[in-house]
Amino acid sequence: MLTLLTRIFIKDRENYSNARVRSAYVMLCGFFGIFLNILLFVFKYMAGILSGSIAITADAFNNLTDASASVITLLGFRLAAAAPDAG
C-alpha cells in the first residue's frame, strides 16, 4: 500500500540522498497515519456507541489523540526543516 502511495505522490522516489524526497516520505507517512487513526476513531466510536461499551469508546478517543500527536509531530518536522533565521 505504501509503495503504491509513494509511486503516486513522491517524484524521484528512489533518490534517498535528496532532502526533499526524504521530507516527502515523512509527510506522506505522517498524513497516512493521521488518516488511519481518524478512520479507526470513527469505526471504534460507532462500535462503542452501538454496543454500549465504554472501553471501545475510550479506545476510539485514544486513536484520536494518536492522530493529534501525529499532527504535532508533522508540525515539528516542518519547523525543523525550515531555513535558519538570518542574523
PDB file of N, CA and C in Angstrom:
ATOM      1  N   MET A   1       0.821  -1.191   0.000  1.00  0.00           N
ATOM      2  CA  MET A   1       0.000   0.000   0.000  1.00  0.00           C
ATOM      3  C   MET A   1       0.862   1.250   0.000  1.00  0.00           C
ATOM      4  N   LEU A   2       1.856   1.261   0.876  1.00  0.00           N
ATOM      5  CA  LEU A   2       2.728   2.431   0.953  1.00  0.00           C
ATOM      6  C   LEU A   2       3.539   2.596  -0.327  1.00  0.00           C
ATOM      7  N   THR A   3       3.917   1.484  -0.946  1.00  0.00           N
ATOM      8  CA  THR A   3       4.654   1.558  -2.208  1.00  0.00           C
ATOM      9  C   THR A   3       3.808   2.221  -3.280  1.00  0.00           C
ATOM     10  N   LEU A   4       2.540   1.877  -3.337  1.00  0.00           N
ATOM     11  CA  LEU A   4       1.637   2.497  -4.301  1.00  0.00           C
ATOM     12  C   LEU A   4       1.517   3.993  -4.042  1.00  0.00           C
ATOM     13  N   LEU A   5       1.383   4.375  -2.790  1.00  0.00           N
ATOM     14  CA  LEU A   5       1.273   5.797  -2.459  1.00  0.00           C
ATOM     15  C   LEU A   5       2.548   6.559  -2.804  1.00  0.00           C
ATOM     16  N   THR A   6       3.706   5.941  -2.591  1.00  0.00           N
ATOM     17  CA  THR A   6       4.952   6.634  -2.940  1.00  0.00           C
ATOM     18  C   THR A   6       5.078   6.796  -4.446  1.00  0.00           C
ATOM     19  N   ARG A   7       4.616   5.828  -5.205  1.00  0.00           N
ATOM     20  CA  ARG A   7       4.640   5.958  -6.669  1.00  0.00           C
ATOM     21  C   ARG A   7       3.762   7.107  -7.134  1.00  0.00           C
ATOM     22  N   ILE A   8       2.645   7.302  -6.462  1.00  0.00           N
ATOM     23  CA  ILE A   8       1.707   8.349  -6.864  1.00  0.00           C
ATOM     24  C   ILE A   8       2.161   9.727  -6.402  1.00  0.00           C
ATOM     25  N   PHE A   9       2.621   9.845  -5.164  1.00  0.00           N
ATOM     26  CA  PHE A   9       2.820  11.158  -4.558  1.00  0.00           C
ATOM     27  C   PHE A   9       4.264  11.649  -4.477  1.00  0.00           C
ATOM     28  N   ILE A  10       5.247  10.787  -4.656  1.00  0.00           N
ATOM     29  CA  ILE A  10       6.639  11.219  -4.485  1.00  0.00           C
ATOM     30  C   ILE A  10       7.375  11.101  -5.814  1.00  0.00           C
ATOM     31  N   LYS A  11       7.787  12.252  -6.338  1.00  0.00           N
ATOM     32  CA  LYS A  11       8.580  12.262  -7.560  1.00  0.00           C
ATOM     33  C   LYS A  11      10.016  11.882  -7.208  1.00  0.00           C
ATOM     34  N   ASP A  12      10.653  11.138  -8.087  1.00  0.00           N
ATOM     35  CA  ASP A  12      12.042  10.715  -7.893  1.00  0.00           C
ATOM     36  C   ASP A  12      12.192   9.964  -6.567  1.00  0.00           C
ATOM     37  N   ARG A  13      11.270   9.050  -6.301  1.00  0.00           N
ATOM     38  CA  ARG A  13      11.179   8.387  -5.006  1.00  0.00           C
ATOM     39  C   ARG A  13      12.365   7.503  -4.654  1.00  0.00           C
ATOM     40  N   GLU A  14      13.204   7.168  -5.623  1.00  0.00           N
ATOM     41  CA  GLU A  14      14.373   6.320  -5.366  1.00  0.00           C
ATOM     42  C   GLU A  14      15.594   7.122  -4.923  1.00  0.00           C
ATOM     43  N   ASN A  15      15.542   8.434  -5.051  1.00  0.00           N
ATOM     44  CA  ASN A  15      16.690   9.291  -4.735  1.00  0.00           C
ATOM     45  C   ASN A  15      16.672   9.648  -3.247  1.00  0.00           C
ATOM     46  N   TYR A  16      17.094   8.709  -2.410  1.00  0.00           N
ATOM     47  CA  TYR A  16      17.027   8.898  -0.959  1.00  0.00           C
ATOM     48  C   TYR A  16      18.022   9.927  -0.437  1.00  0.00           C
ATOM     49  N   SER A  17      19.024  10.258  -1.229  1.00  0.00           N
ATOM     50  CA  SER A  17      20.004  11.250  -0.776  1.00  0.00           C
ATOM     51  C   SER A  17      19.461  12.671  -0.873  1.00  0.00           C
ATOM     52  N   ASN A  18      18.366  12.860  -1.595  1.00  0.00           N
ATOM     53  CA  ASN A  18      17.752  14.177  -1.740  1.00  0.00           C
ATOM     54  C   ASN A  18      16.894  14.482  -0.504  1.00  0.00           C
ATOM     55  N   ALA A  19      17.139  15.626   0.106  1.00  0.00           N
ATOM     56  CA  ALA A  19      16.398  16.007   1.319  1.00  0.00           C
ATOM     57  C   ALA A  19      14.912  16.185   1.039  1.00  0.00           C
ATOM     58  N   ARG A  20      14.561  16.658  -0.150  1.00  0.00           N
ATOM     59  CA  ARG A  20      13.142  16.840  -0.484  1.00  0.00           C
ATOM     60  C   ARG A  20      12.411  15.498  -0.566  1.00  0.00           C
ATOM     61  N   VAL A  21      13.084  14.495  -1.097  1.00  0.00           N
ATOM     62  CA  VAL A  21      12.480  13.160  -1.193  1.00  0.00           C
ATOM     63  C   VAL A  21      12.277  12.577   0.201  1.00  0.00           C
ATOM     64  N   ARG A  22      13.279  12.710   1.055  1.00  0.00           N
ATOM     65  CA  ARG A  22      13.139  12.212   2.434  1.00  0.00           C
ATOM     66  C   ARG A  22      12.023  12.949   3.162  1.00  0.00           C
ATOM     67  N   SER A  23      11.926  14.245   2.939  1.00  0.00           N
ATOM     68  CA  SER A  23      10.858  15.030   3.555  1.00  0.00           C
ATOM     69  C   SER A  23       9.490  14.580   3.049  1.00  0.00           C
ATOM     70  N   ALA A  24       9.412  14.285   1.758  1.00  0.00           N
ATOM     71  CA  ALA A  24       8.147  13.814   1.187  1.00  0.00           C
ATOM     72  C   ALA A  24       7.734  12.476   1.792  1.00  0.00           C
ATOM     73  N   TYR A  25       8.698  11.597   2.047  1.00  0.00           N
ATOM     74  CA  TYR A  25       8.396  10.316   2.698  1.00  0.00           C
ATOM     75  C   TYR A  25       7.829  10.538   4.102  1.00  0.00           C
ATOM     76  N   VAL A  26       8.454  11.430   4.849  1.00  0.00           N
ATOM     77  CA  VAL A  26       7.987  11.710   6.215  1.00  0.00           C
ATOM     78  C   VAL A  26       6.570  12.270   6.187  1.00  0.00           C
ATOM     79  N   MET A  27       6.322  13.223   5.303  1.00  0.00           N
ATOM     80  CA  MET A  27       4.999  13.839   5.235  1.00  0.00           C
ATOM     81  C   MET A  27       3.940  12.827   4.788  1.00  0.00           C
ATOM     82  N   LEU A  28       4.275  12.017   3.797  1.00  0.00           N
ATOM     83  CA  LEU A  28       3.328  11.008   3.319  1.00  0.00           C
ATOM     84  C   LEU A  28       2.975  10.013   4.420  1.00  0.00           C
ATOM     85  N   CYS A  29       3.982   9.503   5.097  1.00  0.00           N
ATOM     86  CA  CYS A  29       3.727   8.544   6.181  1.00  0.00           C
ATOM     87  C   CYS A  29       2.956   9.189   7.321  1.00  0.00           C
ATOM     88  N   GLY A  30       3.270  10.438   7.620  1.00  0.00           N
ATOM     89  CA  GLY A  30       2.556  11.146   8.680  1.00  0.00           C
ATOM     90  C   GLY A  30       1.084  11.333   8.357  1.00  0.00           C
ATOM     91  N   PHE A  31       0.805  11.805   7.140  1.00  0.00           N
ATOM     92  CA  PHE A  31      -0.590  12.011   6.755  1.00  0.00           C
ATOM     93  C   PHE A  31      -1.347  10.691   6.644  1.00  0.00           C
ATOM     94  N   PHE A  32      -0.665   9.651   6.184  1.00  0.00           N
ATOM     95  CA  PHE A  32      -1.293   8.333   6.104  1.00  0.00           C
ATOM     96  C   PHE A  32      -1.645   7.824   7.500  1.00  0.00           C
ATOM     97  N   GLY A  33      -0.746   8.024   8.451  1.00  0.00           N
ATOM     98  CA  GLY A  33      -1.014   7.632   9.837  1.00  0.00           C
ATOM     99  C   GLY A  33      -2.164   8.410  10.447  1.00  0.00           C
ATOM    100  N   ILE A  34      -2.219   9.701  10.169  1.00  0.00           N
ATOM    101  CA  ILE A  34      -3.324  10.530  10.670  1.00  0.00           C
ATOM    102  C   ILE A  34      -4.643  10.039  10.091  1.00  0.00           C
ATOM    103  N   PHE A  35      -4.651   9.780   8.788  1.00  0.00           N
ATOM    104  CA  PHE A  35      -5.863   9.292   8.130  1.00  0.00           C
ATOM    105  C   PHE A  35      -6.334   7.975   8.751  1.00  0.00           C
ATOM    106  N   LEU A  36      -5.404   7.045   8.954  1.00  0.00           N
ATOM    107  CA  LEU A  36      -5.785   5.750   9.528  1.00  0.00           C
ATOM    108  C   LEU A  36      -6.283   5.885  10.963  1.00  0.00           C
ATOM    109  N   ASN A  37      -5.650   6.741  11.759  1.00  0.00           N
ATOM    110  CA  ASN A  37      -6.100   6.929  13.140  1.00  0.00           C
ATOM    111  C   ASN A  37      -7.483   7.567  13.198  1.00  0.00           C
ATOM    112  N   ILE A  38      -7.768   8.496  12.306  1.00  0.00           N
ATOM    113  CA  ILE A  38      -9.106   9.100  12.279  1.00  0.00           C
ATOM    114  C   ILE A  38     -10.136   8.071  11.826  1.00  0.00           C
ATOM    115  N   LEU A  39      -9.764   7.253  10.843  1.00  0.00           N
ATOM    116  CA  LEU A  39     -10.663   6.197  10.387  1.00  0.00           C
ATOM    117  C   LEU A  39     -10.947   5.198  11.512  1.00  0.00           C
ATOM    118  N   LEU A  40      -9.906   4.811  12.244  1.00  0.00           N
ATOM    119  CA  LEU A  40     -10.096   3.921  13.393  1.00  0.00           C
ATOM    120  C   LEU A  40     -10.975   4.568  14.456  1.00  0.00           C
ATOM    121  N   PHE A  41     -10.778   5.861  14.689  1.00  0.00           N
ATOM    122  CA  PHE A  41     -11.612   6.572  15.658  1.00  0.00           C
ATOM    123  C   PHE A  41     -13.083   6.470  15.278  1.00  0.00           C
ATOM    124  N   VAL A  42     -13.387   6.750  14.023  1.00  0.00           N
ATOM    125  CA  VAL A  42     -14.790   6.730  13.580  1.00  0.00           C
ATOM    126  C   VAL A  42     -15.400   5.343  13.774  1.00  0.00           C
ATOM    127  N   PHE A  43     -14.699   4.312  13.309  1.00  0.00           N
ATOM    128  CA  PHE A  43     -15.247   2.958  13.421  1.00  0.00           C
ATOM    129  C   PHE A  43     -15.362   2.492  14.874  1.00  0.00           C
ATOM    130  N   LYS A  44     -14.341   2.759  15.672  1.00  0.00           N
ATOM    131  CA  LYS A  44     -14.395   2.337  17.075  1.00  0.00           C
ATOM    132  C   LYS A  44     -15.441   3.122  17.855  1.00  0.00           C
ATOM    133  N   TYR A  45     -15.580   4.396  17.554  1.00  0.00           N
ATOM    134  CA  TYR A  45     -16.587   5.197  18.243  1.00  0.00           C
ATOM    135  C   TYR A  45     -17.988   4.677  17.918  1.00  0.00           C
ATOM    136  N   MET A  46     -18.236   4.409  16.636  1.00  0.00           N
ATOM    137  CA  MET A  46     -19.548   3.872  16.258  1.00  0.00           C
ATOM    138  C   MET A  46     -19.783   2.507  16.901  1.00  0.00           C
ATOM    139  N   ALA A  47     -18.755   1.656  16.913  1.00  0.00           N
ATOM    140  CA  ALA A  47     -18.890   0.335  17.535  1.00  0.00           C
ATOM    141  C   ALA A  47     -19.131   0.466  19.030  1.00  0.00           C
ATOM    142  N   GLY A  48     -18.459   1.407  19.669  1.00  0.00           N
ATOM    143  CA  GLY A  48     -18.642   1.615  21.102  1.00  0.00           C
ATOM    144  C   GLY A  48     -20.028   2.117  21.440  1.00  0.00           C
ATOM    145  N   ILE A  49     -20.539   3.032  20.636  1.00  0.00           N
ATOM    146  CA  ILE A  49     -21.889   3.566  20.871  1.00  0.00           C
ATOM    147  C   ILE A  49     -22.937   2.485  20.608  1.00  0.00           C
ATOM    148  N   LEU A  50     -22.782   1.764  19.497  1.00  0.00           N
ATOM    149  CA  LEU A  50     -23.769   0.734  19.160  1.00  0.00           C
ATOM    150  C   LEU A  50     -23.774  -0.419  20.161  1.00  0.00           C
ATOM    151  N   SER A  51     -22.604  -0.773  20.678  1.00  0.00           N
ATOM    152  CA  SER A  51     -22.534  -1.892  21.620  1.00  0.00           C
ATOM    153  C   SER A  51     -22.718  -1.453  23.071  1.00  0.00           C
ATOM    154  N   GLY A  52     -22.625  -0.155  23.312  1.00  0.00           N
ATOM    155  CA  GLY A  52     -22.740   0.352  24.671  1.00  0.00           C
ATOM    156  C   GLY A  52     -21.479   0.131  25.495  1.00  0.00           C
ATOM    157  N   SER A  53     -20.366  -0.112  24.820  1.00  0.00           N
ATOM    158  CA  SER A  53     -19.108  -0.397  25.516  1.00  0.00           C
ATOM    159  C   SER A  53     -18.318   0.888  25.750  1.00  0.00           C
ATOM    160  N   ILE A  54     -18.087   1.183  27.013  1.00  0.00           N
ATOM    161  CA  ILE A  54     -17.286   2.357  27.362  1.00  0.00           C
ATOM    162  C   ILE A  54     -15.827   2.126  26.971  1.00  0.00           C
ATOM    163  N   ALA A  55     -15.350   0.896  27.076  1.00  0.00           N
ATOM    164  CA  ALA A  55     -13.951   0.585  26.761  1.00  0.00           C
ATOM    165  C   ALA A  55     -13.646   0.827  25.282  1.00  0.00           C
ATOM    166  N   ILE A  56     -14.547   0.410  24.405  1.00  0.00           N
ATOM    167  CA  ILE A  56     -14.327   0.623  22.969  1.00  0.00           C
ATOM    168  C   ILE A  56     -14.405   2.108  22.641  1.00  0.00           C
ATOM    169  N   THR A  57     -15.331   2.817  23.266  1.00  0.00           N
ATOM    170  CA  THR A  57     -15.439   4.262  23.047  1.00  0.00           C
ATOM    171  C   THR A  57     -14.184   4.975  23.537  1.00  0.00           C
ATOM    172  N   ALA A  58     -13.666   4.577  24.682  1.00  0.00           N
ATOM    173  CA  ALA A  58     -12.435   5.176  25.202  1.00  0.00           C
ATOM    174  C   ALA A  58     -11.257   4.875  24.282  1.00  0.00           C
ATOM    175  N   ASP A  59     -11.208   3.669  23.740  1.00  0.00           N
ATOM    176  CA  ASP A  59     -10.139   3.321  22.811  1.00  0.00           C
ATOM    177  C   ASP A  59     -10.237   4.151  21.534  1.00  0.00           C
ATOM    178  N   ALA A  60     -11.460   4.490  21.141  1.00  0.00           N
ATOM    179  CA  ALA A  60     -11.641   5.358  19.978  1.00  0.00           C
ATOM    180  C   ALA A  60     -10.992   6.714  20.228  1.00  0.00           C
ATOM    181  N   PHE A  61     -11.188   7.254  21.415  1.00  0.00           N
ATOM    182  CA  PHE A  61     -10.581   8.547  21.731  1.00  0.00           C
ATOM    183  C   PHE A  61      -9.062   8.437  21.853  1.00  0.00           C
ATOM    184  N   ASN A  62      -8.565   7.260  22.205  1.00  0.00           N
ATOM    185  CA  ASN A  62      -7.121   7.042  22.198  1.00  0.00           C
ATOM    186  C   ASN A  62      -6.577   7.184  20.779  1.00  0.00           C
ATOM    187  N   ASN A  63      -7.299   6.645  19.791  1.00  0.00           N
ATOM    188  CA  ASN A  63      -6.875   6.804  18.406  1.00  0.00           C
ATOM    189  C   ASN A  63      -6.925   8.266  17.967  1.00  0.00           C
ATOM    190  N   LEU A  64      -7.897   9.000  18.470  1.00  0.00           N
ATOM    191  CA  LEU A  64      -7.988  10.418  18.130  1.00  0.00           C
ATOM    192  C   LEU A  64      -6.805  11.194  18.705  1.00  0.00           C
ATOM    193  N   THR A  65      -6.394  10.869  19.915  1.00  0.00           N
ATOM    194  CA  THR A  65      -5.224  11.543  20.484  1.00  0.00           C
ATOM    195  C   THR A  65      -3.943  11.123  19.760  1.00  0.00           C
ATOM    196  N   ASP A  66      -3.891   9.891  19.269  1.00  0.00           N
ATOM    197  CA  ASP A  66      -2.742   9.472  18.457  1.00  0.00           C
ATOM    198  C   ASP A  66      -2.662  10.304  17.177  1.00  0.00           C
ATOM    199  N   ALA A  67      -3.807  10.564  16.564  1.00  0.00           N
ATOM    200  CA  ALA A  67      -3.829  11.406  15.366  1.00  0.00           C
ATOM    201  C   ALA A  67      -3.364  12.818  15.699  1.00  0.00           C
ATOM    202  N   SER A  68      -3.785  13.336  16.845  1.00  0.00           N
ATOM    203  CA  SER A  68      -3.355  14.672  17.270  1.00  0.00           C
ATOM    204  C   SER A  68      -1.848  14.717  17.495  1.00  0.00           C
ATOM    205  N   ALA A  69      -1.303  13.674  18.084  1.00  0.00           N
ATOM    206  CA  ALA A  69       0.143  13.610  18.298  1.00  0.00           C
ATOM    207  C   ALA A  69       0.885  13.570  16.964  1.00  0.00           C
ATOM    208  N   SER A  70       0.323  12.895  15.981  1.00  0.00           N
ATOM    209  CA  SER A  70       0.947  12.856  14.656  1.00  0.00           C
ATOM    210  C   SER A  70       0.929  14.227  13.995  1.00  0.00           C
ATOM    211  N   VAL A  71      -0.146  14.971  14.201  1.00  0.00           N
ATOM    212  CA  VAL A  71      -0.218  16.334  13.660  1.00  0.00           C
ATOM    213  C   VAL A  71       0.882  17.194  14.280  1.00  0.00           C
ATOM    214  N   ILE A  72       1.056  17.087  15.578  1.00  0.00           N
ATOM    215  CA  ILE A  72       2.091  17.865  16.267  1.00  0.00           C
ATOM    216  C   ILE A  72       3.481  17.442  15.787  1.00  0.00           C
ATOM    217  N   THR A  73       3.682  16.156  15.571  1.00  0.00           N
ATOM    218  CA  THR A  73       4.966  15.667  15.072  1.00  0.00           C
ATOM    219  C   THR A  73       5.256  16.214  13.680  1.00  0.00           C
ATOM    220  N   LEU A  74       4.251  16.213  12.803  1.00  0.00           N
ATOM    221  CA  LEU A  74       4.450  16.762  11.462  1.00  0.00           C
ATOM    222  C   LEU A  74       4.738  18.256  11.508  1.00  0.00           C
ATOM    223  N   LEU A  75       4.069  18.959  12.392  1.00  0.00           N
ATOM    224  CA  LEU A  75       4.330  20.389  12.551  1.00  0.00           C
ATOM    225  C   LEU A  75       5.772  20.612  13.007  1.00  0.00           C
ATOM    226  N   GLY A  76       6.231  19.823  13.955  1.00  0.00           N
ATOM    227  CA  GLY A  76       7.613  19.920  14.414  1.00  0.00           C
ATOM    228  C   GLY A  76       8.603  19.600  13.312  1.00  0.00           C
ATOM    229  N   PHE A  77       8.280  18.616  12.489  1.00  0.00           N
ATOM    230  CA  PHE A  77       9.155  18.279  11.371  1.00  0.00           C
ATOM    231  C   PHE A  77       9.240  19.431  10.386  1.00  0.00           C
ATOM    232  N   ARG A  78       8.101  20.044  10.092  1.00  0.00           N
ATOM    233  CA  ARG A  78       8.099  21.192   9.167  1.00  0.00           C
ATOM    234  C   ARG A  78       8.910  22.348   9.722  1.00  0.00           C
ATOM    235  N   LEU A  79       8.771  22.614  11.005  1.00  0.00           N
ATOM    236  CA  LEU A  79       9.535  23.701  11.616  1.00  0.00           C
ATOM    237  C   LEU A  79      11.030  23.387  11.622  1.00  0.00           C
ATOM    238  N   ALA A  80      11.388  22.144  11.856  1.00  0.00           N
ATOM    239  CA  ALA A  80      12.801  21.761  11.872  1.00  0.00           C
ATOM    240  C   ALA A  80      13.419  21.820  10.479  1.00  0.00           C
ATOM    241  N   ALA A  81      12.607  21.605   9.450  1.00  0.00           N
ATOM    242  CA  ALA A  81      13.110  21.620   8.077  1.00  0.00           C
ATOM    243  C   ALA A  81      13.207  23.032   7.506  1.00  0.00           C
ATOM    244  N   ALA A  82      12.654  24.013   8.209  1.00  0.00           N
ATOM    245  CA  ALA A  82      12.681  25.393   7.711  1.00  0.00           C
ATOM    246  C   ALA A  82      14.108  25.925   7.703  1.00  0.00           C
ATOM    247  N   ALA A  83      14.321  26.890   6.841  1.00  0.00           N
ATOM    248  CA  ALA A  83      15.642  27.517   6.752  1.00  0.00           C
ATOM    249  C   ALA A  83      15.946  28.268   8.046  1.00  0.00           C
ATOM    250  N   PRO A  84      17.203  28.303   8.453  1.00  0.00           N
ATOM    251  CA  PRO A  84      17.552  29.021   9.689  1.00  0.00           C
ATOM    252  C   PRO A  84      17.350  30.526   9.535  1.00  0.00           C
ATOM    253  N   ASP A  85      17.114  31.175  10.665  1.00  0.00           N
ATOM    254  CA  ASP A  85      16.940  32.626  10.669  1.00  0.00           C
ATOM    255  C   ASP A  85      18.259  33.311  10.347  1.00  0.00           C
ATOM    256  N   ALA A  86      18.153  34.462   9.698  1.00  0.00           N
ATOM    257  CA  ALA A  86      19.352  35.263   9.421  1.00  0.00           C
ATOM    258  C   ALA A  86      19.694  36.075  10.665  1.00  0.00           C
ATOM    259  N   GLY A  87      20.949  36.241  10.900  1.00  0.00           N
ATOM    260  CA  GLY A  87      21.295  37.132  11.985  1.00  0.00           C
ATOM    261  C   GLY A  87      22.120  36.513  12.989  1.00  0.00           C
TER     262      GLY A  87
END
